[in-house]
Amino acid sequence: MSTFPAAGPHADNAVPKRRRSTDPVGIVSFIALVVTTFLMLLPLFFMVSTSLKSKKEMLKFPPTFLPESWQWSNYKEIFDTLSFGTMYMNSLMIGVLTVIGTLLSSALAAYGFARYRGKGSNTWFLLMLSTMMLPYPAIMIPQFILFSKLNWIDTFLPLIVPAFFGSAYNIFLLRQFFSTLPEELFDAGRIDGCSEFRMWRQIALPLSGPALATVAIFAFIYSWNDLLTPVLYLSSTEKFTLPVGMASLTSSRFRIPPWHLLMVASVLAMLPIVTLFAIAQKRFVEGIVLTGIK
């Protein structure tokens, strides 16, 4: 008759525990990840640190990593030196409208390319993709002449209206996602009497959250960081965007560029991007993975 160990608080001690084997590859990978993270965060730390230094301390060599005296007044000075609040709101308004226009136009075009497979559809799709190979300087002069004929110079329209005509890259990204949606869903919609627009609005869009979030982030970042287009079309100071204002800090009107104020502007300009990515991070990663974009 076999005997079993008595149950009790020390019963688990009767079974010897296996020691975890040390994985050298995992340790090296972890160390490499820590070092890479530190190197990636070092410029960010230096930017925030410089934004809190005085102008005199900023010019010291070798530079100090932490401010000797924390100049929180720099964040107020940037609003006195530039019309920073106005520029911030201009960039924010243009970015939001650009995202709306990009989502509407690109989603409609992508739905058409994904759901309609008629004669010549692939040819038109390849023709649309070929426009991605055109550099912006190639179309910059014709666009400027067109917008000048429309009296759009020194207005926000040249920065916003093109977004409502779609983007080849965003159309491609959304088309790849729409192509993965089951055809049975759209067959059921047709049986229920749905129009194509209603199927796009009530079937395709609700199922495409990750892809739409990805397009929204890309469109906002592009608009938020765009410097060339505002410089080309805007001439009034009250209509300048944030990149134009930040570029003016390094202009010849300053004998020594106020780098501490430029770092302040960089920190404040970074906040919407970080906030947007933090909110939509999960859907952004899903959209990149599900659409096959590496």
C-alpha atoms as a PDB file:
ATOM      1  CA  MET A   1       0.000   0.000   0.000  1.00  0.00           C
ATOM      2  CA  SER A   2       1.552   3.286  -1.086  1.00  0.00           C
ATOM      3  CA  THR A   3       1.679   6.211   1.244  1.00  0.00           C
ATOM      4  CA  PHE A   4       1.136   9.816   0.252  1.00  0.00           C
ATOM      5  CA  PRO A   5       2.658  12.873   1.918  1.00  0.00           C
ATOM      6  CA  ALA A   6       0.358  14.442   4.433  1.00  0.00           C
ATOM      7  CA  ALA A   7      -1.404  17.585   3.354  1.00  0.00           C
ATOM      8  CA  GLY A   8      -0.561  20.665   5.315  1.00  0.00           C
ATOM      9  CA  PRO A   9       1.002  24.100   5.166  1.00  0.00           C
ATOM     10  CA  HIS A  10       4.432  22.587   4.463  1.00  0.00           C
ATOM     11  CA  ALA A  11       3.246  20.040   1.897  1.00  0.00           C
ATOM     12  CA  ASP A  12       4.573  22.139  -0.995  1.00  0.00           C
ATOM     13  CA  ASN A  13       8.075  21.931   0.435  1.00  0.00           C
ATOM     14  CA  ALA A  14       8.108  18.215  -0.217  1.00  0.00           C
ATOM     15  CA  VAL A  15       8.214  18.836  -3.965  1.00  0.00           C
ATOM     16  CA  PRO A  16      11.581  20.224  -5.053  1.00  0.00           C
ATOM     17  CA  LYS A  17      11.324  23.389  -7.117  1.00  0.00           C
ATOM     18  CA  ARG A  18      13.095  23.609 -10.440  1.00  0.00           C
ATOM     19  CA  ARG A  19      15.494  26.479 -10.763  1.00  0.00           C
ATOM     20  CA  ARG A  20      15.050  28.670 -13.784  1.00  0.00           C
ATOM     21  CA  SER A  21      17.943  28.418 -16.168  1.00  0.00           C
ATOM     22  CA  THR A  22      19.648  31.686 -16.996  1.00  0.00           C
ATOM     23  CA  ASP A  23      19.219  32.668 -20.622  1.00  0.00           C
ATOM     24  CA  PRO A  24      22.321  34.574 -21.824  1.00  0.00           C
ATOM     25  CA  VAL A  25      20.563  35.704 -25.003  1.00  0.00           C
ATOM     26  CA  GLY A  26      17.671  37.145 -22.979  1.00  0.00           C
ATOM     27  CA  ILE A  27      20.063  38.997 -20.646  1.00  0.00           C
ATOM     28  CA  VAL A  28      22.022  40.503 -23.547  1.00  0.00           C
ATOM     29  CA  SER A  29      18.783  41.485 -25.283  1.00  0.00           C
ATOM     30  CA  PHE A  30      17.508  43.160 -22.113  1.00  0.00           C
ATOM     31  CA  ILE A  31      20.752  45.113 -21.655  1.00  0.00           C
ATOM     32  CA  ALA A  32      20.717  46.173 -25.307  1.00  0.00           C
ATOM     33  CA  LEU A  33      17.093  47.299 -24.931  1.00  0.00           C
ATOM     34  CA  VAL A  34      17.923  49.360 -21.837  1.00  0.00           C
ATOM     35  CA  VAL A  35      20.900  51.018 -23.539  1.00  0.00           C
ATOM     36  CA  THR A  36      18.869  51.756 -26.680  1.00  0.00           C
ATOM     37  CA  THR A  37      16.038  53.233 -24.615  1.00  0.00           C
ATOM     38  CA  PHE A  38      18.506  55.440 -22.738  1.00  0.00           C
ATOM     39  CA  LEU A  39      20.054  56.695 -25.991  1.00  0.00           C
ATOM     40  CA  MET A  40      16.594  57.404 -27.434  1.00  0.00           C
ATOM     41  CA  LEU A  41      15.466  59.321 -24.340  1.00  0.00           C
ATOM     42  CA  LEU A  42      18.705  61.300 -23.929  1.00  0.00           C
ATOM     43  CA  PRO A  43      17.862  63.951 -26.591  1.00  0.00           C
ATOM     44  CA  LEU A  44      14.388  64.330 -25.091  1.00  0.00           C
ATOM     45  CA  PHE A  45      15.869  64.806 -21.630  1.00  0.00           C
ATOM     46  CA  PHE A  46      18.386  67.346 -22.969  1.00  0.00           C
ATOM     47  CA  MET A  47      15.580  69.240 -24.736  1.00  0.00           C
ATOM     48  CA  VAL A  48      13.483  69.508 -21.574  1.00  0.00           C
ATOM     49  CA  SER A  49      16.553  70.400 -19.494  1.00  0.00           C
ATOM     50  CA  THR A  50      17.648  73.131 -21.921  1.00  0.00           C
ATOM     51  CA  SER A  51      14.151  74.613 -21.924  1.00  0.00           C
ATOM     52  CA  LEU A  52      14.568  75.323 -18.198  1.00  0.00           C
ATOM     53  CA  LYS A  53      18.018  76.944 -18.409  1.00  0.00           C
ATOM     54  CA  SER A  54      18.882  80.612 -18.576  1.00  0.00           C
ATOM     55  CA  LYS A  55      20.336  82.051 -21.761  1.00  0.00           C
ATOM     56  CA  LYS A  56      23.746  82.412 -20.111  1.00  0.00           C
ATOM     57  CA  GLU A  57      23.795  78.862 -18.811  1.00  0.00           C
ATOM     58  CA  MET A  58      22.664  77.542 -22.161  1.00  0.00           C
ATOM     59  CA  LEU A  59      25.877  78.837 -23.784  1.00  0.00           C
ATOM     60  CA  LYS A  60      28.203  77.258 -21.219  1.00  0.00           C
ATOM     61  CA  PHE A  61      30.702  74.651 -22.365  1.00  0.00           C
ATOM     62  CA  PRO A  62      30.738  71.861 -21.443  1.00  0.00           C
ATOM     63  CA  PRO A  63      26.965  71.910 -21.118  1.00  0.00           C
ATOM     64  CA  THR A  64      25.262  71.009 -17.873  1.00  0.00           C
ATOM     65  CA  PHE A  65      22.749  68.197 -17.825  1.00  0.00           C
ATOM     66  CA  LEU A  66      20.545  69.773 -15.159  1.00  0.00           C
ATOM     67  CA  PRO A  67      19.826  73.508 -14.850  1.00  0.00           C
ATOM     68  CA  GLU A  68      21.671  75.330 -12.079  1.00  0.00           C
ATOM     69  CA  SER A  69      18.568  77.455 -11.578  1.00  0.00           C
ATOM     70  CA  TRP A  70      15.236  76.311 -12.950  1.00  0.00           C
ATOM     71  CA  GLN A  71      13.877  79.007 -15.245  1.00  0.00           C
ATOM     72  CA  TRP A  72      10.151  78.242 -15.384  1.00  0.00           C
ATOM     73  CA  SER A  73       9.669  81.782 -16.681  1.00  0.00           C
ATOM     74  CA  ASN A  74      10.957  80.578 -20.067  1.00  0.00           C
ATOM     75  CA  TYR A  75       7.542  79.058 -20.721  1.00  0.00           C
ATOM     76  CA  LYS A  76       5.978  82.480 -20.227  1.00  0.00           C
ATOM     77  CA  GLU A  77       8.674  84.274 -22.217  1.00  0.00           C
ATOM     78  CA  ILE A  78       7.931  82.253 -25.362  1.00  0.00           C
ATOM     79  CA  PHE A  79       4.431  83.753 -25.441  1.00  0.00           C
ATOM     80  CA  ASP A  80       5.892  87.255 -25.071  1.00  0.00           C
ATOM     81  CA  THR A  81       8.549  86.766 -27.766  1.00  0.00           C
ATOM     82  CA  LEU A  82       6.218  85.204 -30.339  1.00  0.00           C
ATOM     83  CA  SER A  83       2.488  85.104 -30.930  1.00  0.00           C
ATOM     84  CA  PHE A  84       2.879  81.542 -29.742  1.00  0.00           C
ATOM     85  CA  GLY A  85      -0.712  80.970 -28.683  1.00  0.00           C
ATOM     86  CA  THR A  86      -2.064  82.160 -32.043  1.00  0.00           C
ATOM     87  CA  MET A  87       0.418  80.023 -33.970  1.00  0.00           C
ATOM     88  CA  TYR A  88      -0.422  77.035 -31.782  1.00  0.00           C
ATOM     89  CA  MET A  89      -4.136  77.379 -32.453  1.00  0.00           C
ATOM     90  CA  ASN A  90      -3.536  77.884 -36.188  1.00  0.00           C
ATOM     91  CA  SER A  91      -1.554  74.653 -36.392  1.00  0.00           C
ATOM     92  CA  LEU A  92      -4.129  72.823 -34.291  1.00  0.00           C
ATOM     93  CA  MET A  93      -7.038  73.997 -36.445  1.00  0.00           C
ATOM     94  CA  ILE A  94      -5.259  73.109 -39.694  1.00  0.00           C
ATOM     95  CA  GLY A  95      -4.246  69.716 -38.294  1.00  0.00           C
ATOM     96  CA  VAL A  96      -7.776  68.791 -37.193  1.00  0.00           C
ATOM     97  CA  LEU A  97      -9.336  69.861 -40.507  1.00  0.00           C
ATOM     98  CA  THR A  98      -6.610  68.007 -42.410  1.00  0.00           C
ATOM     99  CA  VAL A  99      -7.382  64.823 -40.482  1.00  0.00           C
ATOM    100  CA  ILE A 100     -11.112  65.160 -41.200  1.00  0.00           C
ATOM    101  CA  GLY A 101     -10.529  65.772 -44.904  1.00  0.00           C
ATOM    102  CA  THR A 102      -8.003  62.960 -45.209  1.00  0.00           C
ATOM    103  CA  LEU A 103     -10.246  60.423 -43.488  1.00  0.00           C
ATOM    104  CA  LEU A 104     -13.303  61.303 -45.572  1.00  0.00           C
ATOM    105  CA  SER A 105     -11.648  61.403 -48.990  1.00  0.00           C
ATOM    106  CA  SER A 106      -9.160  58.564 -48.503  1.00  0.00           C
ATOM    107  CA  ALA A 107     -11.750  56.235 -46.955  1.00  0.00           C
ATOM    108  CA  LEU A 108     -14.209  56.810 -49.829  1.00  0.00           C
ATOM    109  CA  ALA A 109     -11.567  56.269 -52.518  1.00  0.00           C
ATOM    110  CA  ALA A 110     -10.129  53.235 -50.731  1.00  0.00           C
ATOM    111  CA  TYR A 111     -13.585  51.675 -50.403  1.00  0.00           C
ATOM    112  CA  GLY A 112     -14.121  52.057 -54.132  1.00  0.00           C
ATOM    113  CA  PHE A 113     -10.780  50.447 -54.980  1.00  0.00           C
ATOM    114  CA  ALA A 114     -11.363  47.603 -52.506  1.00  0.00           C
ATOM    115  CA  ARG A 115     -14.996  46.676 -53.274  1.00  0.00           C
ATOM    116  CA  TYR A 116     -15.280  47.349 -57.018  1.00  0.00           C
ATOM    117  CA  ARG A 117     -13.246  45.021 -59.206  1.00  0.00           C
ATOM    118  CA  GLY A 118     -14.407  46.102 -62.640  1.00  0.00           C
ATOM    119  CA  LYS A 119     -12.433  46.286 -65.846  1.00  0.00           C
ATOM    120  CA  GLY A 120      -9.397  48.514 -65.483  1.00  0.00           C
ATOM    121  CA  SER A 121      -9.720  48.942 -61.708  1.00  0.00           C
ATOM    122  CA  ASN A 122      -6.210  47.619 -61.072  1.00  0.00           C
ATOM    123  CA  THR A 123      -4.835  49.947 -63.745  1.00  0.00           C
ATOM    124  CA  TRP A 124      -6.409  52.968 -62.100  1.00  0.00           C
ATOM    125  CA  PHE A 125      -5.115  51.796 -58.716  1.00  0.00           C
ATOM    126  CA  LEU A 126      -1.553  51.470 -60.052  1.00  0.00           C
ATOM    127  CA  LEU A 127      -1.881  54.885 -61.675  1.00  0.00           C
ATOM    128  CA  MET A 128      -2.915  56.335 -58.345  1.00  0.00           C
ATOM    129  CA  LEU A 129       0.037  54.657 -56.596  1.00  0.00           C
ATOM    130  CA  SER A 130       2.430  56.067 -59.203  1.00  0.00           C
ATOM    131  CA  THR A 131       1.652  59.568 -57.941  1.00  0.00           C
ATOM    132  CA  MET A 132       3.574  58.674 -54.764  1.00  0.00           C
ATOM    133  CA  MET A 133       6.774  58.843 -56.832  1.00  0.00           C
ATOM    134  CA  LEU A 134       6.201  62.517 -57.667  1.00  0.00           C
ATOM    135  CA  PRO A 135       8.226  64.754 -55.326  1.00  0.00           C
ATOM    136  CA  TYR A 136       6.418  67.790 -53.956  1.00  0.00           C
ATOM    137  CA  PRO A 137       8.736  70.310 -55.724  1.00  0.00           C
ATOM    138  CA  ALA A 138       7.525  68.865 -59.055  1.00  0.00           C
ATOM    139  CA  ILE A 139       3.960  70.026 -58.385  1.00  0.00           C
ATOM    140  CA  MET A 140       4.733  72.982 -56.135  1.00  0.00           C
ATOM    141  CA  ILE A 141       4.813  75.641 -58.894  1.00  0.00           C
ATOM    142  CA  PRO A 142       1.643  74.452 -60.727  1.00  0.00           C
ATOM    143  CA  GLN A 143      -0.185  74.289 -57.397  1.00  0.00           C
ATOM    144  CA  PHE A 144       0.961  77.783 -56.463  1.00  0.00           C
ATOM    145  CA  ILE A 145      -0.244  79.170 -59.810  1.00  0.00           C
ATOM    146  CA  LEU A 146      -3.605  77.421 -59.361  1.00  0.00           C
ATOM    147  CA  PHE A 147      -4.128  78.717 -55.829  1.00  0.00           C
ATOM    148  CA  SER A 148      -3.032  82.226 -56.820  1.00  0.00           C
ATOM    149  CA  LYS A 149      -5.660  82.235 -59.596  1.00  0.00           C
ATOM    150  CA  LEU A 150      -8.232  81.255 -56.961  1.00  0.00           C
ATOM    151  CA  ASN A 151      -7.044  84.112 -54.684  1.00  0.00           C
ATOM    152  CA  TRP A 152      -6.148  81.655 -51.944  1.00  0.00           C
ATOM    153  CA  ILE A 153      -2.715  83.112 -51.198  1.00  0.00           C
ATOM    154  CA  ASP A 154      -2.287  84.152 -47.538  1.00  0.00           C
ATOM    155  CA  THR A 155      -5.241  81.991 -46.487  1.00  0.00           C
ATOM    156  CA  PHE A 156      -5.476  78.599 -44.811  1.00  0.00           C
ATOM    157  CA  LEU A 157      -7.258  77.053 -47.807  1.00  0.00           C
ATOM    158  CA  PRO A 158      -4.114  75.781 -49.631  1.00  0.00           C
ATOM    159  CA  LEU A 159      -3.143  73.973 -46.418  1.00  0.00           C
ATOM    160  CA  ILE A 160      -6.569  72.378 -45.839  1.00  0.00           C
ATOM    161  CA  VAL A 161      -8.413  71.854 -49.137  1.00  0.00           C
ATOM    162  CA  PRO A 162      -5.885  69.392 -50.716  1.00  0.00           C
ATOM    163  CA  ALA A 163      -6.554  66.984 -47.839  1.00  0.00           C
ATOM    164  CA  PHE A 164     -10.156  66.621 -49.046  1.00  0.00           C
ATOM    165  CA  PHE A 165      -8.903  65.153 -52.336  1.00  0.00           C
ATOM    166  CA  GLY A 166      -7.218  62.122 -50.809  1.00  0.00           C
ATOM    167  CA  SER A 167      -3.658  60.916 -50.392  1.00  0.00           C
ATOM    168  CA  ALA A 168      -2.180  58.019 -52.380  1.00  0.00           C
ATOM    169  CA  TYR A 169      -0.436  56.497 -49.367  1.00  0.00           C
ATOM    170  CA  ASN A 170      -3.487  56.709 -47.114  1.00  0.00           C
ATOM    171  CA  ILE A 171      -5.768  55.356 -49.846  1.00  0.00           C
ATOM    172  CA  PHE A 172      -3.402  52.422 -50.298  1.00  0.00           C
ATOM    173  CA  LEU A 173      -3.321  51.737 -46.559  1.00  0.00           C
ATOM    174  CA  LEU A 174      -7.108  51.824 -46.169  1.00  0.00           C
ATOM    175  CA  ARG A 175      -7.672  49.834 -49.357  1.00  0.00           C
ATOM    176  CA  GLN A 176      -5.512  47.027 -47.957  1.00  0.00           C
ATOM    177  CA  PHE A 177      -7.666  46.974 -44.833  1.00  0.00           C
ATOM    178  CA  PHE A 178     -11.009  47.162 -46.633  1.00  0.00           C
ATOM    179  CA  SER A 179      -9.959  44.226 -48.826  1.00  0.00           C
ATOM    180  CA  THR A 180      -9.752  41.989 -45.739  1.00  0.00           C
ATOM    181  CA  LEU A 181     -13.389  42.588 -44.737  1.00  0.00           C
ATOM    182  CA  PRO A 182     -15.619  39.556 -45.440  1.00  0.00           C
ATOM    183  CA  GLU A 183     -17.720  39.869 -48.581  1.00  0.00           C
ATOM    184  CA  GLU A 184     -20.624  38.186 -46.750  1.00  0.00           C
ATOM    185  CA  LEU A 185     -21.144  41.316 -44.653  1.00  0.00           C
ATOM    186  CA  PHE A 186     -21.732  43.425 -47.744  1.00  0.00           C
ATOM    187  CA  ASP A 187     -23.941  40.734 -49.328  1.00  0.00           C
ATOM    188  CA  ALA A 188     -26.107  40.827 -46.197  1.00  0.00           C
ATOM    189  CA  GLY A 189     -26.264  44.607 -46.466  1.00  0.00           C
ATOM    190  CA  ARG A 190     -27.403  44.441 -50.085  1.00  0.00           C
ATOM    191  CA  ILE A 191     -30.114  41.921 -49.152  1.00  0.00           C
ATOM    192  CA  ASP A 192     -31.340  44.345 -46.475  1.00  0.00           C
ATOM    193  CA  GLY A 193     -31.523  47.095 -49.097  1.00  0.00           C
ATOM    194  CA  CYS A 194     -28.494  49.130 -48.047  1.00  0.00           C
ATOM    195  CA  SER A 195     -26.983  51.521 -50.556  1.00  0.00           C
ATOM    196  CA  GLU A 196     -23.242  51.492 -51.173  1.00  0.00           C
ATOM    197  CA  PHE A 197     -22.793  54.688 -49.201  1.00  0.00           C
ATOM    198  CA  ARG A 198     -24.703  53.234 -46.266  1.00  0.00           C
ATOM    199  CA  MET A 199     -22.603  50.045 -46.345  1.00  0.00           C
ATOM    200  CA  TRP A 200     -19.473  52.191 -46.366  1.00  0.00           C
ATOM    201  CA  ARG A 201     -20.755  54.212 -43.411  1.00  0.00           C
ATOM    202  CA  GLN A 202     -22.334  51.455 -41.307  1.00  0.00           C
ATOM    203  CA  ILE A 203     -20.243  48.388 -42.193  1.00  0.00           C
ATOM    204  CA  ALA A 204     -16.821  49.346 -43.514  1.00  0.00           C
ATOM    205  CA  LEU A 205     -16.010  52.324 -41.278  1.00  0.00           C
ATOM    206  CA  PRO A 206     -17.030  50.808 -37.902  1.00  0.00           C
ATOM    207  CA  LEU A 207     -14.845  47.755 -38.638  1.00  0.00           C
ATOM    208  CA  SER A 208     -11.861  49.867 -39.707  1.00  0.00           C
ATOM    209  CA  GLY A 209     -11.042  51.669 -36.471  1.00  0.00           C
ATOM    210  CA  PRO A 210      -7.354  50.625 -36.333  1.00  0.00           C
ATOM    211  CA  ALA A 211      -6.686  51.618 -39.951  1.00  0.00           C
ATOM    212  CA  LEU A 212      -8.535  54.933 -39.571  1.00  0.00           C
ATOM    213  CA  ALA A 213      -6.581  55.705 -36.392  1.00  0.00           C
ATOM    214  CA  THR A 214      -3.332  55.034 -38.239  1.00  0.00           C
ATOM    215  CA  VAL A 215      -4.295  57.367 -41.090  1.00  0.00           C
ATOM    216  CA  ALA A 216      -5.421  60.051 -38.623  1.00  0.00           C
ATOM    217  CA  ILE A 217      -2.092  59.971 -36.763  1.00  0.00           C
ATOM    218  CA  PHE A 218      -0.060  60.104 -39.970  1.00  0.00           C
ATOM    219  CA  ALA A 219      -2.138  62.977 -41.367  1.00  0.00           C
ATOM    220  CA  PHE A 220      -1.973  65.010 -38.157  1.00  0.00           C
ATOM    221  CA  ILE A 221       1.785  64.552 -37.755  1.00  0.00           C
ATOM    222  CA  TYR A 222       2.399  65.572 -41.372  1.00  0.00           C
ATOM    223  CA  SER A 223       0.251  68.688 -41.044  1.00  0.00           C
ATOM    224  CA  TRP A 224       1.621  69.591 -37.601  1.00  0.00           C
ATOM    225  CA  ASN A 225       5.263  69.406 -38.745  1.00  0.00           C
ATOM    226  CA  ASP A 226       4.787  70.936 -42.205  1.00  0.00           C
ATOM    227  CA  LEU A 227       6.996  73.988 -42.728  1.00  0.00           C
ATOM    228  CA  LEU A 228       7.339  74.364 -46.497  1.00  0.00           C
ATOM    229  CA  THR A 229       3.643  74.781 -47.362  1.00  0.00           C
ATOM    230  CA  PRO A 230       2.876  77.503 -44.760  1.00  0.00           C
ATOM    231  CA  VAL A 231       6.038  79.393 -45.737  1.00  0.00           C
ATOM    232  CA  LEU A 232       4.964  79.199 -49.371  1.00  0.00           C
ATOM    233  CA  TYR A 233       1.385  80.444 -48.962  1.00  0.00           C
ATOM    234  CA  LEU A 234       1.223  82.464 -45.731  1.00  0.00           C
ATOM    235  CA  SER A 235       2.591  85.983 -45.353  1.00  0.00           C
ATOM    236  CA  SER A 236       0.590  87.468 -42.460  1.00  0.00           C
ATOM    237  CA  THR A 237       2.138  87.006 -39.028  1.00  0.00           C
ATOM    238  CA  GLU A 238      -1.213  86.285 -37.378  1.00  0.00           C
ATOM    239  CA  LYS A 239      -1.699  83.341 -39.764  1.00  0.00           C
ATOM    240  CA  PHE A 240       1.684  81.718 -39.193  1.00  0.00           C
ATOM    241  CA  THR A 241       1.743  78.132 -37.981  1.00  0.00           C
ATOM    242  CA  LEU A 242       3.915  76.710 -35.221  1.00  0.00           C
ATOM    243  CA  PRO A 243       6.780  75.437 -37.452  1.00  0.00           C
ATOM    244  CA  VAL A 244       7.046  78.883 -39.089  1.00  0.00           C
ATOM    245  CA  GLY A 245       7.211  80.576 -35.698  1.00  0.00           C
ATOM    246  CA  MET A 246       9.855  78.159 -34.445  1.00  0.00           C
ATOM    247  CA  ALA A 247      11.923  78.710 -37.589  1.00  0.00           C
ATOM    248  CA  SER A 248      11.766  82.469 -37.024  1.00  0.00           C
ATOM    249  CA  LEU A 249      13.615  82.025 -33.715  1.00  0.00           C
ATOM    250  CA  THR A 250      16.753  81.168 -35.687  1.00  0.00           C
ATOM    251  CA  SER A 251      16.405  84.103 -38.102  1.00  0.00           C
ATOM    252  CA  SER A 252      18.847  86.968 -38.434  1.00  0.00           C
ATOM    253  CA  ARG A 253      16.785  89.267 -36.197  1.00  0.00           C
ATOM    254  CA  PHE A 254      18.413  87.527 -33.224  1.00  0.00           C
ATOM    255  CA  ARG A 255      22.146  88.134 -32.786  1.00  0.00           C
ATOM    256  CA  ILE A 256      22.339  84.894 -30.826  1.00  0.00           C
ATOM    257  CA  PRO A 257      19.395  82.543 -31.412  1.00  0.00           C
ATOM    258  CA  PRO A 258      17.472  81.941 -28.160  1.00  0.00           C
ATOM    259  CA  TRP A 259      17.968  78.191 -28.123  1.00  0.00           C
ATOM    260  CA  HIS A 260      16.340  77.888 -24.709  1.00  0.00           C
ATOM    261  CA  LEU A 261      13.123  79.358 -26.145  1.00  0.00           C
ATOM    262  CA  LEU A 262      13.383  77.059 -29.157  1.00  0.00           C
ATOM    263  CA  MET A 263      13.564  74.110 -26.763  1.00  0.00           C
ATOM    264  CA  VAL A 264      10.515  75.466 -24.905  1.00  0.00           C
ATOM    265  CA  ALA A 265       8.616  75.672 -28.192  1.00  0.00           C
ATOM    266  CA  SER A 266       9.754  72.133 -29.073  1.00  0.00           C
ATOM    267  CA  VAL A 267       8.487  70.753 -25.765  1.00  0.00           C
ATOM    268  CA  LEU A 268       5.104  72.433 -26.189  1.00  0.00           C
ATOM    269  CA  ALA A 269       4.884  71.388 -29.849  1.00  0.00           C
ATOM    270  CA  MET A 270       5.532  67.797 -28.877  1.00  0.00           C
ATOM    271  CA  LEU A 271       2.588  67.568 -26.468  1.00  0.00           C
ATOM    272  CA  PRO A 272      -0.261  67.068 -29.015  1.00  0.00           C
ATOM    273  CA  ILE A 273       1.683  64.335 -30.852  1.00  0.00           C
ATOM    274  CA  VAL A 274       2.468  62.475 -27.633  1.00  0.00           C
ATOM    275  CA  THR A 275      -1.129  62.841 -26.427  1.00  0.00           C
ATOM    276  CA  LEU A 276      -2.571  61.639 -29.729  1.00  0.00           C
ATOM    277  CA  PHE A 277      -0.268  58.638 -29.857  1.00  0.00           C
ATOM    278  CA  ALA A 278      -0.941  57.754 -26.204  1.00  0.00           C
ATOM    279  CA  ILE A 279      -4.708  57.772 -26.826  1.00  0.00           C
ATOM    280  CA  ALA A 280      -4.618  55.854 -30.112  1.00  0.00           C
ATOM    281  CA  GLN A 281      -1.519  53.700 -29.521  1.00  0.00           C
ATOM    282  CA  LYS A 282      -3.360  50.383 -29.430  1.00  0.00           C
ATOM    283  CA  ARG A 283      -5.365  51.052 -32.572  1.00  0.00           C
ATOM    284  CA  PHE A 284      -2.307  52.521 -34.300  1.00  0.00           C
ATOM    285  CA  VAL A 285      -0.290  49.327 -33.770  1.00  0.00           C
ATOM    286  CA  GLU A 286      -3.250  47.196 -34.858  1.00  0.00           C
ATOM    287  CA  GLY A 287      -3.639  49.255 -38.014  1.00  0.00           C
ATOM    288  CA  ILE A 288       0.035  48.870 -38.918  1.00  0.00           C
ATOM    289  CA  VAL A 289      -0.050  45.106 -38.349  1.00  0.00           C
ATOM    290  CA  LEU A 290      -3.396  44.361 -40.004  1.00  0.00           C
ATOM    291  CA  THR A 291      -2.644  46.354 -43.136  1.00  0.00           C
ATOM    292  CA  GLY A 292       0.736  44.685 -43.625  1.00  0.00           C
ATOM    293  CA  ILE A 293       2.737  47.935 -43.520  1.00  0.00           C
ATOM    294  CA  LYS A 294       6.171  47.419 -41.979  1.00  0.00           C
END
